[in-house]
Amino acid sequence: MKVSDKDLLSTRVLLRPDEVARILRLSKKSVYRLARTGQIKPTSDTPVRYTARSVRAYINSQTGDEIL
């Protein structure tokens, strides 16, 4: 069963880079670039995980809309 992007953001606390890339419709390389520039914040270096909160904040900053 495939989980929707909205479900990932609303039910998961930590997201893998590939999940963030899917949600944002970007490549994993672009996700790492966003992390390097501080636009989304990883929780640790190994394994790299991102908080759903930081991904939502990034989306809100880009769209001006509150999501979830």
PDB file of N, CA and C in Angstrom:
ATOM      1  N   MET A   1       0.840  -1.179   0.000  1.00  0.00           N
ATOM      2  CA  MET A   1       0.000   0.000   0.000  1.00  0.00           C
ATOM      3  C   MET A   1       0.882   1.238   0.000  1.00  0.00           C
ATOM      4  N   LYS A   2       0.635   2.137  -0.913  1.00  0.00           N
ATOM      5  CA  LYS A   2       1.423   3.354  -1.026  1.00  0.00           C
ATOM      6  C   LYS A   2       0.860   4.431  -0.097  1.00  0.00           C
ATOM      7  N   VAL A   3       1.750   5.072   0.638  1.00  0.00           N
ATOM      8  CA  VAL A   3       1.363   6.128   1.575  1.00  0.00           C
ATOM      9  C   VAL A   3       1.414   7.466   0.842  1.00  0.00           C
ATOM     10  N   SER A   4       0.390   8.286   1.025  1.00  0.00           N
ATOM     11  CA  SER A   4       0.360   9.588   0.360  1.00  0.00           C
ATOM     12  C   SER A   4       1.359  10.538   1.013  1.00  0.00           C
ATOM     13  N   ASP A   5       1.749  11.554   0.260  1.00  0.00           N
ATOM     14  CA  ASP A   5       2.669  12.562   0.787  1.00  0.00           C
ATOM     15  C   ASP A   5       2.080  13.254   2.016  1.00  0.00           C
ATOM     16  N   LYS A   6       0.801  13.554   1.966  1.00  0.00           N
ATOM     17  CA  LYS A   6       0.133  14.208   3.095  1.00  0.00           C
ATOM     18  C   LYS A   6       0.186  13.321   4.332  1.00  0.00           C
ATOM     19  N   ASP A   7      -0.041  12.022   4.141  1.00  0.00           N
ATOM     20  CA  ASP A   7       0.027  11.089   5.270  1.00  0.00           C
ATOM     21  C   ASP A   7       1.439  11.018   5.847  1.00  0.00           C
ATOM     22  N   LEU A   8       2.442  11.023   4.973  1.00  0.00           N
ATOM     23  CA  LEU A   8       3.823  11.009   5.458  1.00  0.00           C
ATOM     24  C   LEU A   8       4.083  12.212   6.357  1.00  0.00           C
ATOM     25  N   LEU A   9       3.657  13.388   5.905  1.00  0.00           N
ATOM     26  CA  LEU A   9       3.909  14.608   6.675  1.00  0.00           C
ATOM     27  C   LEU A   9       3.103  14.664   7.963  1.00  0.00           C
ATOM     28  N   SER A  10       1.931  14.051   7.972  1.00  0.00           N
ATOM     29  CA  SER A  10       1.087  14.165   9.159  1.00  0.00           C
ATOM     30  C   SER A  10       1.305  13.036  10.168  1.00  0.00           C
ATOM     31  N   THR A  11       1.868  11.917   9.738  1.00  0.00           N
ATOM     32  CA  THR A  11       1.991  10.790  10.663  1.00  0.00           C
ATOM     33  C   THR A  11       3.420  10.464  11.054  1.00  0.00           C
ATOM     34  N   ARG A  12       4.381  10.885  10.297  1.00  0.00           N
ATOM     35  CA  ARG A  12       5.770  10.553  10.577  1.00  0.00           C
ATOM     36  C   ARG A  12       6.475  11.728  11.221  1.00  0.00           C
ATOM     37  N   VAL A  13       7.340  11.465  12.165  1.00  0.00           N
ATOM     38  CA  VAL A  13       8.132  12.502  12.816  1.00  0.00           C
ATOM     39  C   VAL A  13       9.419  12.726  12.035  1.00  0.00           C
ATOM     40  N   LEU A  14      10.056  11.628  11.626  1.00  0.00           N
ATOM     41  CA  LEU A  14      11.302  11.705  10.874  1.00  0.00           C
ATOM     42  C   LEU A  14      11.109  11.132   9.477  1.00  0.00           C
ATOM     43  N   LEU A  15      11.728  11.783   8.507  1.00  0.00           N
ATOM     44  CA  LEU A  15      11.614  11.361   7.120  1.00  0.00           C
ATOM     45  C   LEU A  15      12.992  11.099   6.531  1.00  0.00           C
ATOM     46  N   ARG A  16      13.087  10.076   5.697  1.00  0.00           N
ATOM     47  CA  ARG A  16      14.324   9.791   4.977  1.00  0.00           C
ATOM     48  C   ARG A  16      14.481  10.783   3.823  1.00  0.00           C
ATOM     49  N   PRO A  17      15.691  10.974   3.320  1.00  0.00           N
ATOM     50  CA  PRO A  17      15.902  11.893   2.193  1.00  0.00           C
ATOM     51  C   PRO A  17      15.036  11.558   0.974  1.00  0.00           C
ATOM     52  N   ASP A  18      14.869  10.264   0.668  1.00  0.00           N
ATOM     53  CA  ASP A  18      14.048   9.910  -0.492  1.00  0.00           C
ATOM     54  C   ASP A  18      12.581  10.272  -0.281  1.00  0.00           C
ATOM     55  N   GLU A  19      12.105  10.206   0.959  1.00  0.00           N
ATOM     56  CA  GLU A  19      10.724  10.597   1.248  1.00  0.00           C
ATOM     57  C   GLU A  19      10.546  12.104   1.108  1.00  0.00           C
ATOM     58  N   VAL A  20      11.535  12.862   1.591  1.00  0.00           N
ATOM     59  CA  VAL A  20      11.481  14.322   1.450  1.00  0.00           C
ATOM     60  C   VAL A  20      11.507  14.699  -0.025  1.00  0.00           C
ATOM     61  N   ALA A  21      12.359  14.031  -0.797  1.00  0.00           N
ATOM     62  CA  ALA A  21      12.433  14.304  -2.231  1.00  0.00           C
ATOM     63  C   ALA A  21      11.087  14.036  -2.901  1.00  0.00           C
ATOM     64  N   ARG A  22      10.442  12.958  -2.532  1.00  0.00           N
ATOM     65  CA  ARG A  22       9.132  12.626  -3.106  1.00  0.00           C
ATOM     66  C   ARG A  22       8.094  13.688  -2.755  1.00  0.00           C
ATOM     67  N   ILE A  23       8.074  14.089  -1.494  1.00  0.00           N
ATOM     68  CA  ILE A  23       7.099  15.091  -1.045  1.00  0.00           C
ATOM     69  C   ILE A  23       7.303  16.425  -1.760  1.00  0.00           C
ATOM     70  N   LEU A  24       8.565  16.825  -1.887  1.00  0.00           N
ATOM     71  CA  LEU A  24       8.872  18.127  -2.497  1.00  0.00           C
ATOM     72  C   LEU A  24       8.966  18.071  -4.016  1.00  0.00           C
ATOM     73  N   ARG A  25       8.900  16.850  -4.560  1.00  0.00           N
ATOM     74  CA  ARG A  25       9.037  16.655  -6.015  1.00  0.00           C
ATOM     75  C   ARG A  25      10.398  17.167  -6.498  1.00  0.00           C
ATOM     76  N   LEU A  26      11.426  16.784  -5.754  1.00  0.00           N
ATOM     77  CA  LEU A  26      12.809  17.149  -6.064  1.00  0.00           C
ATOM     78  C   LEU A  26      13.664  15.893  -6.100  1.00  0.00           C
ATOM     79  N   SER A  27      14.873  16.043  -6.569  1.00  0.00           N
ATOM     80  CA  SER A  27      15.828  14.935  -6.492  1.00  0.00           C
ATOM     81  C   SER A  27      16.405  14.882  -5.079  1.00  0.00           C
ATOM     82  N   LYS A  28      16.979  13.726  -4.726  1.00  0.00           N
ATOM     83  CA  LYS A  28      17.637  13.635  -3.415  1.00  0.00           C
ATOM     84  C   LYS A  28      18.799  14.624  -3.347  1.00  0.00           C
ATOM     85  N   LYS A  29      19.476  14.830  -4.447  1.00  0.00           N
ATOM     86  CA  LYS A  29      20.587  15.793  -4.489  1.00  0.00           C
ATOM     87  C   LYS A  29      20.086  17.192  -4.102  1.00  0.00           C
ATOM     88  N   SER A  30      18.915  17.560  -4.589  1.00  0.00           N
ATOM     89  CA  SER A  30      18.331  18.864  -4.241  1.00  0.00           C
ATOM     90  C   SER A  30      17.962  18.932  -2.769  1.00  0.00           C
ATOM     91  N   VAL A  31      17.498  17.820  -2.209  1.00  0.00           N
ATOM     92  CA  VAL A  31      17.175  17.772  -0.779  1.00  0.00           C
ATOM     93  C   VAL A  31      18.445  18.017   0.034  1.00  0.00           C
ATOM     94  N   TYR A  32      19.531  17.354  -0.337  1.00  0.00           N
ATOM     95  CA  TYR A  32      20.802  17.563   0.367  1.00  0.00           C
ATOM     96  C   TYR A  32      21.271  19.009   0.228  1.00  0.00           C
ATOM     97  N   ARG A  33      21.030  19.614  -0.927  1.00  0.00           N
ATOM     98  CA  ARG A  33      21.397  21.025  -1.140  1.00  0.00           C
ATOM     99  C   ARG A  33      20.575  21.938  -0.218  1.00  0.00           C
ATOM    100  N   LEU A  34      19.283  21.660  -0.081  1.00  0.00           N
ATOM    101  CA  LEU A  34      18.441  22.443   0.830  1.00  0.00           C
ATOM    102  C   LEU A  34      18.949  22.318   2.263  1.00  0.00           C
ATOM    103  N   ALA A  35      19.395  21.135   2.627  1.00  0.00           N
ATOM    104  CA  ALA A  35      19.928  20.930   3.976  1.00  0.00           C
ATOM    105  C   ALA A  35      21.248  21.691   4.150  1.00  0.00           C
ATOM    106  N   ARG A  36      22.089  21.627   3.140  1.00  0.00           N
ATOM    107  CA  ARG A  36      23.376  22.315   3.217  1.00  0.00           C
ATOM    108  C   ARG A  36      23.207  23.827   3.364  1.00  0.00           C
ATOM    109  N   THR A  37      22.173  24.390   2.743  1.00  0.00           N
ATOM    110  CA  THR A  37      21.922  25.828   2.815  1.00  0.00           C
ATOM    111  C   THR A  37      21.047  26.214   4.006  1.00  0.00           C
ATOM    112  N   GLY A  38      20.648  25.209   4.806  1.00  0.00           N
ATOM    113  CA  GLY A  38      19.884  25.493   6.014  1.00  0.00           C
ATOM    114  C   GLY A  38      18.396  25.680   5.808  1.00  0.00           C
ATOM    115  N   GLN A  39      17.887  25.362   4.631  1.00  0.00           N
ATOM    116  CA  GLN A  39      16.461  25.551   4.367  1.00  0.00           C
ATOM    117  C   GLN A  39      15.606  24.445   4.972  1.00  0.00           C
ATOM    118  N   ILE A  40      16.166  23.256   5.087  1.00  0.00           N
ATOM    119  CA  ILE A  40      15.559  22.192   5.887  1.00  0.00           C
ATOM    120  C   ILE A  40      16.672  21.638   6.769  1.00  0.00           C
ATOM    121  N   LYS A  41      16.301  21.182   7.939  1.00  0.00           N
ATOM    122  CA  LYS A  41      17.319  20.794   8.906  1.00  0.00           C
ATOM    123  C   LYS A  41      17.312  19.296   9.174  1.00  0.00           C
ATOM    124  N   PRO A  42      18.459  18.671   8.944  1.00  0.00           N
ATOM    125  CA  PRO A  42      18.546  17.256   9.304  1.00  0.00           C
ATOM    126  C   PRO A  42      18.679  17.105  10.813  1.00  0.00           C
ATOM    127  N   THR A  43      18.253  15.962  11.322  1.00  0.00           N
ATOM    128  CA  THR A  43      18.358  15.713  12.762  1.00  0.00           C
ATOM    129  C   THR A  43      19.717  15.158  13.129  1.00  0.00           C
ATOM    130  N   SER A  44      20.365  14.468  12.181  1.00  0.00           N
ATOM    131  CA  SER A  44      21.679  13.886  12.439  1.00  0.00           C
ATOM    132  C   SER A  44      22.374  13.626  11.122  1.00  0.00           C
ATOM    133  N   ASP A  45      23.648  13.288  11.198  1.00  0.00           N
ATOM    134  CA  ASP A  45      24.401  13.012   9.983  1.00  0.00           C
ATOM    135  C   ASP A  45      24.195  11.589   9.484  1.00  0.00           C
ATOM    136  N   THR A  46      24.163  10.637  10.405  1.00  0.00           N
ATOM    137  CA  THR A  46      24.072   9.244   9.994  1.00  0.00           C
ATOM    138  C   THR A  46      23.084   8.500  10.870  1.00  0.00           C
ATOM    139  N   PRO A  47      22.063   7.907  10.375  1.00  0.00           N
ATOM    140  CA  PRO A  47      21.570   8.118   9.021  1.00  0.00           C
ATOM    141  C   PRO A  47      20.861   9.470   8.946  1.00  0.00           C
ATOM    142  N   VAL A  48      20.913  10.070   7.786  1.00  0.00           N
ATOM    143  CA  VAL A  48      20.299  11.394   7.616  1.00  0.00           C
ATOM    144  C   VAL A  48      18.786  11.249   7.676  1.00  0.00           C
ATOM    145  N   ARG A  49      18.184  12.040   8.548  1.00  0.00           N
ATOM    146  CA  ARG A  49      16.736  12.110   8.667  1.00  0.00           C
ATOM    147  C   ARG A  49      16.347  13.576   8.822  1.00  0.00           C
ATOM    148  N   TYR A  50      15.155  13.896   8.356  1.00  0.00           N
ATOM    149  CA  TYR A  50      14.639  15.259   8.453  1.00  0.00           C
ATOM    150  C   TYR A  50      13.329  15.219   9.221  1.00  0.00           C
ATOM    151  N   THR A  51      13.088  16.238  10.017  1.00  0.00           N
ATOM    152  CA  THR A  51      11.819  16.276  10.735  1.00  0.00           C
ATOM    153  C   THR A  51      10.704  16.704   9.775  1.00  0.00           C
ATOM    154  N   ALA A  52       9.548  16.114   9.963  1.00  0.00           N
ATOM    155  CA  ALA A  52       8.396  16.511   9.158  1.00  0.00           C
ATOM    156  C   ALA A  52       8.100  17.991   9.388  1.00  0.00           C
ATOM    157  N   ARG A  53       8.357  18.458  10.600  1.00  0.00           N
ATOM    158  CA  ARG A  53       8.132  19.873  10.918  1.00  0.00           C
ATOM    159  C   ARG A  53       8.992  20.788  10.046  1.00  0.00           C
ATOM    160  N   SER A  54      10.270  20.429   9.844  1.00  0.00           N
ATOM    161  CA  SER A  54      11.135  21.283   9.031  1.00  0.00           C
ATOM    162  C   SER A  54      10.727  21.235   7.560  1.00  0.00           C
ATOM    163  N   VAL A  55      10.223  20.096   7.099  1.00  0.00           N
ATOM    164  CA  VAL A  55       9.753  20.000   5.718  1.00  0.00           C
ATOM    165  C   VAL A  55       8.491  20.846   5.537  1.00  0.00           C
ATOM    166  N   ARG A  56       7.573  20.763   6.504  1.00  0.00           N
ATOM    167  CA  ARG A  56       6.361  21.602   6.432  1.00  0.00           C
ATOM    168  C   ARG A  56       6.735  23.089   6.457  1.00  0.00           C
ATOM    169  N   ALA A  57       7.685  23.456   7.308  1.00  0.00           N
ATOM    170  CA  ALA A  57       8.111  24.855   7.389  1.00  0.00           C
ATOM    171  C   ALA A  57       8.698  25.320   6.056  1.00  0.00           C
ATOM    172  N   TYR A  58       9.464  24.456   5.420  1.00  0.00           N
ATOM    173  CA  TYR A  58      10.029  24.810   4.109  1.00  0.00           C
ATOM    174  C   TYR A  58       8.916  25.018   3.088  1.00  0.00           C
ATOM    175  N   ILE A  59       7.954  24.108   3.052  1.00  0.00           N
ATOM    176  CA  ILE A  59       6.839  24.248   2.107  1.00  0.00           C
ATOM    177  C   ILE A  59       6.085  25.543   2.379  1.00  0.00           C
ATOM    178  N   ASN A  60       5.815  25.822   3.655  1.00  0.00           N
ATOM    179  CA  ASN A  60       5.107  27.060   4.013  1.00  0.00           C
ATOM    180  C   ASN A  60       5.889  28.291   3.570  1.00  0.00           C
ATOM    181  N   SER A  61       7.207  28.261   3.710  1.00  0.00           N
ATOM    182  CA  SER A  61       8.028  29.413   3.325  1.00  0.00           C
ATOM    183  C   SER A  61       8.020  29.623   1.817  1.00  0.00           C
ATOM    184  N   GLN A  62       7.840  28.551   1.062  1.00  0.00           N
ATOM    185  CA  GLN A  62       7.837  28.650  -0.391  1.00  0.00           C
ATOM    186  C   GLN A  62       6.472  29.009  -0.961  1.00  0.00           C
ATOM    187  N   THR A  63       5.418  28.589  -0.272  1.00  0.00           N
ATOM    188  CA  THR A  63       4.064  28.783  -0.822  1.00  0.00           C
ATOM    189  C   THR A  63       3.293  29.888  -0.128  1.00  0.00           C
ATOM    190  N   GLY A  64       3.689  30.207   1.115  1.00  0.00           N
ATOM    191  CA  GLY A  64       2.937  31.179   1.887  1.00  0.00           C
ATOM    192  C   GLY A  64       1.674  30.590   2.493  1.00  0.00           C
ATOM    193  N   ASP A  65       1.451  29.290   2.280  1.00  0.00           N
ATOM    194  CA  ASP A  65       0.271  28.615   2.815  1.00  0.00           C
ATOM    195  C   ASP A  65       0.653  27.744   3.990  1.00  0.00           C
ATOM    196  N   GLU A  66      -0.236  27.679   4.969  1.00  0.00           N
ATOM    197  CA  GLU A  66      -0.058  26.735   6.077  1.00  0.00           C
ATOM    198  C   GLU A  66      -0.561  25.383   5.611  1.00  0.00           C
ATOM    199  N   ILE A  67       0.257  24.353   5.787  1.00  0.00           N
ATOM    200  CA  ILE A  67      -0.192  23.014   5.471  1.00  0.00           C
ATOM    201  C   ILE A  67      -0.180  22.187   6.739  1.00  0.00           C
ATOM    202  N   LEU A  68      -1.120  21.316   6.846  1.00  0.00           N
ATOM    203  CA  LEU A  68      -1.249  20.419   7.997  1.00  0.00           C
ATOM    204  C   LEU A  68      -1.085  21.189   9.261  1.00  0.00           C
TER     205      LEU A  68
END
